[in-house]
Amino acid sequence: FLRKFLVHKIATFHTKQRYHTYPKMPRIELQTEIKAERKIVFDLSRSIDLHKISTEHTNEEAIAGKTSGLIGMNESVTWRAKHFGIYQNLTSKITEFDRPKYFADEMVNGAFKEFKHEHHFAELKGGTLMTDFFDYQSPFGILGKIADKLFLKKYMTELLTERNRIVKQFAESERWKEIISE
């Protein structure tokens, strides 16, 4: 327990100080321990193809920009997906990139007023600690804040948790080779 606590504190202290640029926005923070090399976990996390697999339940598809393979610095992707019974488009762009430690994507166009999703990767003995910080602001002022509390934060947490489950599943097996090649 103590080792896990210390690793968490070391891995997140610097990132919270440096990268939490939207302090009044809701923040989702997830940590996932994965028994795989950091570079494999990093590349799976930026894979358009693996993202499609992790969001099959929303019929998500990449329709513009980088539509397959590994997304990189200054590249963008436009996703079309069905959320809450409505088809929506969302474009995000990679705005920060330091392989295999960190990357961030930010919404350029879409349903949110804004969001930034930070992906951090720390080496652990025998694997990788993947930490997500998802800061977002809903549209519609006070109505958006009510939606956050009633259902949106929970919904987004579940989407990110499923994505991380799929990254872990592929990284800890030989299936990662279906997505990326070394």
C-alpha atoms as a PDB file:
ATOM      1  CA  PHE A   1       0.000   0.000   0.000  1.00  0.00           C
ATOM      2  CA  LEU A   2       2.737   2.465   0.959  1.00  0.00           C
ATOM      3  CA  ARG A   3       4.642   1.858  -2.295  1.00  0.00           C
ATOM      4  CA  LYS A   4       1.492   2.453  -4.342  1.00  0.00           C
ATOM      5  CA  PHE A   5       0.716   5.627  -2.378  1.00  0.00           C
ATOM      6  CA  LEU A   6       4.238   7.023  -2.835  1.00  0.00           C
ATOM      7  CA  VAL A   7       4.329   6.195  -6.553  1.00  0.00           C
ATOM      8  CA  HIS A   8       0.971   7.952  -6.960  1.00  0.00           C
ATOM      9  CA  LYS A   9       2.185  11.058  -5.088  1.00  0.00           C
ATOM     10  CA  ILE A  10       5.439  11.251  -7.048  1.00  0.00           C
ATOM     11  CA  ALA A  11       3.724  10.650 -10.396  1.00  0.00           C
ATOM     12  CA  THR A  12       0.947  13.182  -9.830  1.00  0.00           C
ATOM     13  CA  PHE A  13       2.487  15.991  -7.756  1.00  0.00           C
ATOM     14  CA  HIS A  14       4.396  17.548 -10.632  1.00  0.00           C
ATOM     15  CA  THR A  15       1.581  17.062 -13.111  1.00  0.00           C
ATOM     16  CA  LYS A  16      -1.063  18.625 -10.862  1.00  0.00           C
ATOM     17  CA  GLN A  17       1.106  21.690 -10.325  1.00  0.00           C
ATOM     18  CA  ARG A  18       2.116  22.137 -13.953  1.00  0.00           C
ATOM     19  CA  TYR A  19      -0.792  20.956 -16.030  1.00  0.00           C
ATOM     20  CA  HIS A  20      -4.034  21.654 -14.170  1.00  0.00           C
ATOM     21  CA  THR A  21      -4.757  24.798 -16.143  1.00  0.00           C
ATOM     22  CA  TYR A  22      -8.533  24.802 -15.617  1.00  0.00           C
ATOM     23  CA  PRO A  23      -8.960  24.829 -11.815  1.00  0.00           C
ATOM     24  CA  LYS A  24     -12.680  25.697 -11.852  1.00  0.00           C
ATOM     25  CA  MET A  25     -13.550  22.948 -14.301  1.00  0.00           C
ATOM     26  CA  PRO A  26     -14.643  19.451 -13.292  1.00  0.00           C
ATOM     27  CA  ARG A  27     -11.696  17.055 -13.255  1.00  0.00           C
ATOM     28  CA  ILE A  28     -11.715  13.314 -13.716  1.00  0.00           C
ATOM     29  CA  GLU A  29      -8.554  11.591 -12.497  1.00  0.00           C
ATOM     30  CA  LEU A  30      -7.937   7.915 -13.191  1.00  0.00           C
ATOM     31  CA  GLN A  31      -4.934   5.712 -12.512  1.00  0.00           C
ATOM     32  CA  THR A  32      -4.376   2.350 -14.126  1.00  0.00           C
ATOM     33  CA  GLU A  33      -1.493   0.007 -13.382  1.00  0.00           C
ATOM     34  CA  ILE A  34      -0.515  -1.976 -16.465  1.00  0.00           C
ATOM     35  CA  LYS A  35       1.993  -4.813 -16.627  1.00  0.00           C
ATOM     36  CA  ALA A  36       3.605  -3.713 -19.892  1.00  0.00           C
ATOM     37  CA  GLU A  37       6.389  -1.468 -21.145  1.00  0.00           C
ATOM     38  CA  ARG A  38       5.679   2.245 -20.977  1.00  0.00           C
ATOM     39  CA  LYS A  39       6.234   2.813 -24.720  1.00  0.00           C
ATOM     40  CA  ILE A  40       3.632   0.148 -25.577  1.00  0.00           C
ATOM     41  CA  VAL A  41       1.060   1.654 -23.191  1.00  0.00           C
ATOM     42  CA  PHE A  42       1.834   5.139 -24.528  1.00  0.00           C
ATOM     43  CA  ASP A  43       1.361   4.102 -28.164  1.00  0.00           C
ATOM     44  CA  LEU A  44      -1.832   2.159 -27.442  1.00  0.00           C
ATOM     45  CA  SER A  45      -3.223   5.254 -25.713  1.00  0.00           C
ATOM     46  CA  ARG A  46      -2.711   7.368 -28.836  1.00  0.00           C
ATOM     47  CA  SER A  47      -3.965   4.729 -31.262  1.00  0.00           C
ATOM     48  CA  ILE A  48      -6.987   5.768 -33.307  1.00  0.00           C
ATOM     49  CA  ASP A  49      -7.699   2.088 -34.018  1.00  0.00           C
ATOM     50  CA  LEU A  50      -7.723   1.069 -30.339  1.00  0.00           C
ATOM     51  CA  HIS A  51      -9.922   4.052 -29.490  1.00  0.00           C
ATOM     52  CA  LYS A  52     -12.465   2.759 -32.014  1.00  0.00           C
ATOM     53  CA  ILE A  53     -12.436  -0.642 -30.281  1.00  0.00           C
ATOM     54  CA  SER A  54     -12.909   0.911 -26.820  1.00  0.00           C
ATOM     55  CA  THR A  55     -15.908   2.991 -27.987  1.00  0.00           C
ATOM     56  CA  GLU A  56     -17.779   0.410 -30.073  1.00  0.00           C
ATOM     57  CA  HIS A  57     -20.845   0.880 -27.834  1.00  0.00           C
ATOM     58  CA  THR A  58     -21.163   4.527 -29.009  1.00  0.00           C
ATOM     59  CA  ASN A  59     -20.634   3.662 -32.699  1.00  0.00           C
ATOM     60  CA  GLU A  60     -17.643   6.016 -32.633  1.00  0.00           C
ATOM     61  CA  GLU A  61     -15.755   6.449 -35.880  1.00  0.00           C
ATOM     62  CA  ALA A  62     -12.944   8.718 -37.030  1.00  0.00           C
ATOM     63  CA  ILE A  63     -14.319  10.743 -39.956  1.00  0.00           C
ATOM     64  CA  ALA A  64     -11.665  13.435 -40.583  1.00  0.00           C
ATOM     65  CA  GLY A  65      -8.044  14.262 -39.835  1.00  0.00           C
ATOM     66  CA  LYS A  66      -6.008  11.301 -38.627  1.00  0.00           C
ATOM     67  CA  THR A  67      -8.440   8.399 -39.047  1.00  0.00           C
ATOM     68  CA  SER A  68      -6.172   5.416 -38.291  1.00  0.00           C
ATOM     69  CA  GLY A  69      -2.785   4.588 -36.825  1.00  0.00           C
ATOM     70  CA  LEU A  70      -0.986   6.569 -34.131  1.00  0.00           C
ATOM     71  CA  ILE A  71      -1.849  10.230 -33.683  1.00  0.00           C
ATOM     72  CA  GLY A  72       1.031  12.631 -32.991  1.00  0.00           C
ATOM     73  CA  MET A  73       1.886  16.231 -32.162  1.00  0.00           C
ATOM     74  CA  ASN A  74      -0.308  18.855 -33.867  1.00  0.00           C
ATOM     75  CA  GLU A  75      -2.452  16.180 -35.522  1.00  0.00           C
ATOM     76  CA  SER A  76      -6.203  16.195 -35.066  1.00  0.00           C
ATOM     77  CA  VAL A  77      -9.041  13.722 -35.397  1.00  0.00           C
ATOM     78  CA  THR A  78     -12.762  14.291 -35.794  1.00  0.00           C
ATOM     79  CA  TRP A  79     -14.930  11.650 -34.148  1.00  0.00           C
ATOM     80  CA  ARG A  80     -18.575  10.960 -34.859  1.00  0.00           C
ATOM     81  CA  ALA A  81     -20.384   9.125 -32.071  1.00  0.00           C
ATOM     82  CA  LYS A  82     -23.787   8.615 -30.525  1.00  0.00           C
ATOM     83  CA  HIS A  83     -24.075   9.907 -26.956  1.00  0.00           C
ATOM     84  CA  PHE A  84     -27.377  10.268 -25.111  1.00  0.00           C
ATOM     85  CA  GLY A  85     -29.204   9.188 -28.288  1.00  0.00           C
ATOM     86  CA  ILE A  86     -27.767  11.997 -30.423  1.00  0.00           C
ATOM     87  CA  TYR A  87     -25.023  11.766 -33.050  1.00  0.00           C
ATOM     88  CA  GLN A  88     -22.295  14.319 -32.379  1.00  0.00           C
ATOM     89  CA  ASN A  89     -18.991  15.321 -33.931  1.00  0.00           C
ATOM     90  CA  LEU A  90     -15.979  16.193 -31.813  1.00  0.00           C
ATOM     91  CA  THR A  91     -12.556  17.296 -33.048  1.00  0.00           C
ATOM     92  CA  SER A  92      -9.533  17.056 -30.780  1.00  0.00           C
ATOM     93  CA  LYS A  93      -5.901  17.953 -31.408  1.00  0.00           C
ATOM     94  CA  ILE A  94      -2.671  16.736 -29.828  1.00  0.00           C
ATOM     95  CA  THR A  95      -1.252  19.888 -28.226  1.00  0.00           C
ATOM     96  CA  GLU A  96       1.562  18.459 -26.079  1.00  0.00           C
ATOM     97  CA  PHE A  97       3.708  15.402 -26.772  1.00  0.00           C
ATOM     98  CA  ASP A  98       6.702  13.858 -24.977  1.00  0.00           C
ATOM     99  CA  ARG A  99       6.954  10.172 -25.929  1.00  0.00           C
ATOM    100  CA  PRO A 100       6.741   7.935 -23.878  1.00  0.00           C
ATOM    101  CA  LYS A 101       6.001  10.099 -20.817  1.00  0.00           C
ATOM    102  CA  TYR A 102       3.100  12.379 -21.658  1.00  0.00           C
ATOM    103  CA  PHE A 103       0.708  13.751 -24.237  1.00  0.00           C
ATOM    104  CA  ALA A 104      -2.372  15.950 -24.146  1.00  0.00           C
ATOM    105  CA  ASP A 105      -5.307  16.353 -26.468  1.00  0.00           C
ATOM    106  CA  GLU A 106      -7.683  19.307 -26.431  1.00  0.00           C
ATOM    107  CA  MET A 107     -11.082  19.773 -28.000  1.00  0.00           C
ATOM    108  CA  VAL A 108     -11.037  22.093 -31.008  1.00  0.00           C
ATOM    109  CA  ASN A 109     -14.717  21.714 -31.875  1.00  0.00           C
ATOM    110  CA  GLY A 110     -17.548  19.777 -30.259  1.00  0.00           C
ATOM    111  CA  ALA A 111     -20.237  19.537 -27.640  1.00  0.00           C
ATOM    112  CA  PHE A 112     -18.139  20.686 -24.668  1.00  0.00           C
ATOM    113  CA  LYS A 113     -17.343  24.323 -24.076  1.00  0.00           C
ATOM    114  CA  GLU A 114     -13.761  23.054 -23.723  1.00  0.00           C
ATOM    115  CA  PHE A 115     -11.742  20.078 -22.545  1.00  0.00           C
ATOM    116  CA  LYS A 116      -8.169  18.972 -22.064  1.00  0.00           C
ATOM    117  CA  HIS A 117      -7.232  15.324 -21.587  1.00  0.00           C
ATOM    118  CA  GLU A 118      -3.741  14.731 -20.188  1.00  0.00           C
ATOM    119  CA  HIS A 119      -2.187  11.271 -20.473  1.00  0.00           C
ATOM    120  CA  HIS A 120       0.771  10.570 -18.131  1.00  0.00           C
ATOM    121  CA  PHE A 121       2.909   7.413 -18.120  1.00  0.00           C
ATOM    122  CA  ALA A 122       5.283   6.585 -15.248  1.00  0.00           C
ATOM    123  CA  GLU A 123       7.492   3.534 -15.064  1.00  0.00           C
ATOM    124  CA  LEU A 124       6.666   1.080 -12.308  1.00  0.00           C
ATOM    125  CA  LYS A 125       8.585  -2.028 -11.396  1.00  0.00           C
ATOM    126  CA  GLY A 126       7.178  -4.534 -13.843  1.00  0.00           C
ATOM    127  CA  GLY A 127       5.005  -2.085 -15.738  1.00  0.00           C
ATOM    128  CA  THR A 128       3.487   1.340 -16.202  1.00  0.00           C
ATOM    129  CA  LEU A 129       1.288   3.643 -14.176  1.00  0.00           C
ATOM    130  CA  MET A 130      -1.057   5.377 -16.609  1.00  0.00           C
ATOM    131  CA  THR A 131      -2.691   8.510 -15.166  1.00  0.00           C
ATOM    132  CA  ASP A 132      -5.446  10.438 -16.909  1.00  0.00           C
ATOM    133  CA  PHE A 133      -6.517  13.962 -16.042  1.00  0.00           C
ATOM    134  CA  PHE A 134      -9.647  14.989 -17.922  1.00  0.00           C
ATOM    135  CA  ASP A 135     -10.629  18.628 -17.350  1.00  0.00           C
ATOM    136  CA  TYR A 136     -13.771  19.824 -19.082  1.00  0.00           C
ATOM    137  CA  GLN A 137     -16.383  22.518 -19.109  1.00  0.00           C
ATOM    138  CA  SER A 138     -19.920  21.825 -20.192  1.00  0.00           C
ATOM    139  CA  PRO A 139     -21.834  24.318 -22.319  1.00  0.00           C
ATOM    140  CA  PHE A 140     -25.040  26.049 -21.206  1.00  0.00           C
ATOM    141  CA  GLY A 141     -23.770  27.727 -18.015  1.00  0.00           C
ATOM    142  CA  ILE A 142     -25.673  26.678 -14.913  1.00  0.00           C
ATOM    143  CA  LEU A 143     -27.589  23.988 -16.829  1.00  0.00           C
ATOM    144  CA  GLY A 144     -24.253  22.442 -17.837  1.00  0.00           C
ATOM    145  CA  LYS A 145     -23.088  22.473 -14.212  1.00  0.00           C
ATOM    146  CA  ILE A 146     -26.283  20.710 -13.158  1.00  0.00           C
ATOM    147  CA  ALA A 147     -25.785  18.122 -15.921  1.00  0.00           C
ATOM    148  CA  ASP A 148     -22.213  17.547 -14.652  1.00  0.00           C
ATOM    149  CA  LYS A 149     -23.447  16.748 -11.173  1.00  0.00           C
ATOM    150  CA  LEU A 150     -26.444  14.681 -12.259  1.00  0.00           C
ATOM    151  CA  PHE A 151     -24.900  12.462 -14.932  1.00  0.00           C
ATOM    152  CA  LEU A 152     -22.151  13.852 -17.211  1.00  0.00           C
ATOM    153  CA  LYS A 153     -19.139  13.389 -14.942  1.00  0.00           C
ATOM    154  CA  LYS A 154     -20.206   9.800 -14.200  1.00  0.00           C
ATOM    155  CA  TYR A 155     -20.772   9.124 -17.912  1.00  0.00           C
ATOM    156  CA  MET A 156     -17.364  10.518 -18.895  1.00  0.00           C
ATOM    157  CA  THR A 157     -15.659   8.588 -16.080  1.00  0.00           C
ATOM    158  CA  GLU A 158     -17.231   5.357 -17.357  1.00  0.00           C
ATOM    159  CA  LEU A 159     -16.082   6.088 -20.949  1.00  0.00           C
ATOM    160  CA  LEU A 160     -12.504   6.726 -19.807  1.00  0.00           C
ATOM    161  CA  THR A 161     -12.507   3.700 -17.496  1.00  0.00           C
ATOM    162  CA  GLU A 162     -13.612   1.457 -20.377  1.00  0.00           C
ATOM    163  CA  ARG A 163     -10.926   2.955 -22.627  1.00  0.00           C
ATOM    164  CA  ASN A 164      -8.306   2.234 -19.960  1.00  0.00           C
ATOM    165  CA  ARG A 165      -9.602  -1.321 -19.512  1.00  0.00           C
ATOM    166  CA  ILE A 166      -9.102  -1.939 -23.239  1.00  0.00           C
ATOM    167  CA  VAL A 167      -5.610  -0.363 -23.225  1.00  0.00           C
ATOM    168  CA  LYS A 168      -4.684  -2.628 -20.286  1.00  0.00           C
ATOM    169  CA  GLN A 169      -6.195  -5.720 -21.932  1.00  0.00           C
ATOM    170  CA  PHE A 170      -4.236  -5.206 -25.152  1.00  0.00           C
ATOM    171  CA  ALA A 171      -0.988  -4.109 -23.449  1.00  0.00           C
ATOM    172  CA  GLU A 172      -0.870  -7.067 -21.062  1.00  0.00           C
ATOM    173  CA  SER A 173      -1.370  -9.598 -23.828  1.00  0.00           C
ATOM    174  CA  GLU A 174       0.137 -10.076 -27.248  1.00  0.00           C
ATOM    175  CA  ARG A 175      -2.880  -8.273 -28.741  1.00  0.00           C
ATOM    176  CA  TRP A 176      -1.007  -4.962 -28.717  1.00  0.00           C
ATOM    177  CA  LYS A 177       0.818  -6.283 -31.809  1.00  0.00           C
ATOM    178  CA  GLU A 178      -2.526  -6.122 -33.684  1.00  0.00           C
ATOM    179  CA  ILE A 179      -2.516  -2.345 -33.125  1.00  0.00           C
ATOM    180  CA  ILE A 180       1.127  -1.218 -33.136  1.00  0.00           C
ATOM    181  CA  SER A 181       4.366  -2.594 -34.485  1.00  0.00           C
ATOM    182  CA  GLU A 182       7.721  -1.998 -32.834  1.00  0.00           C
END
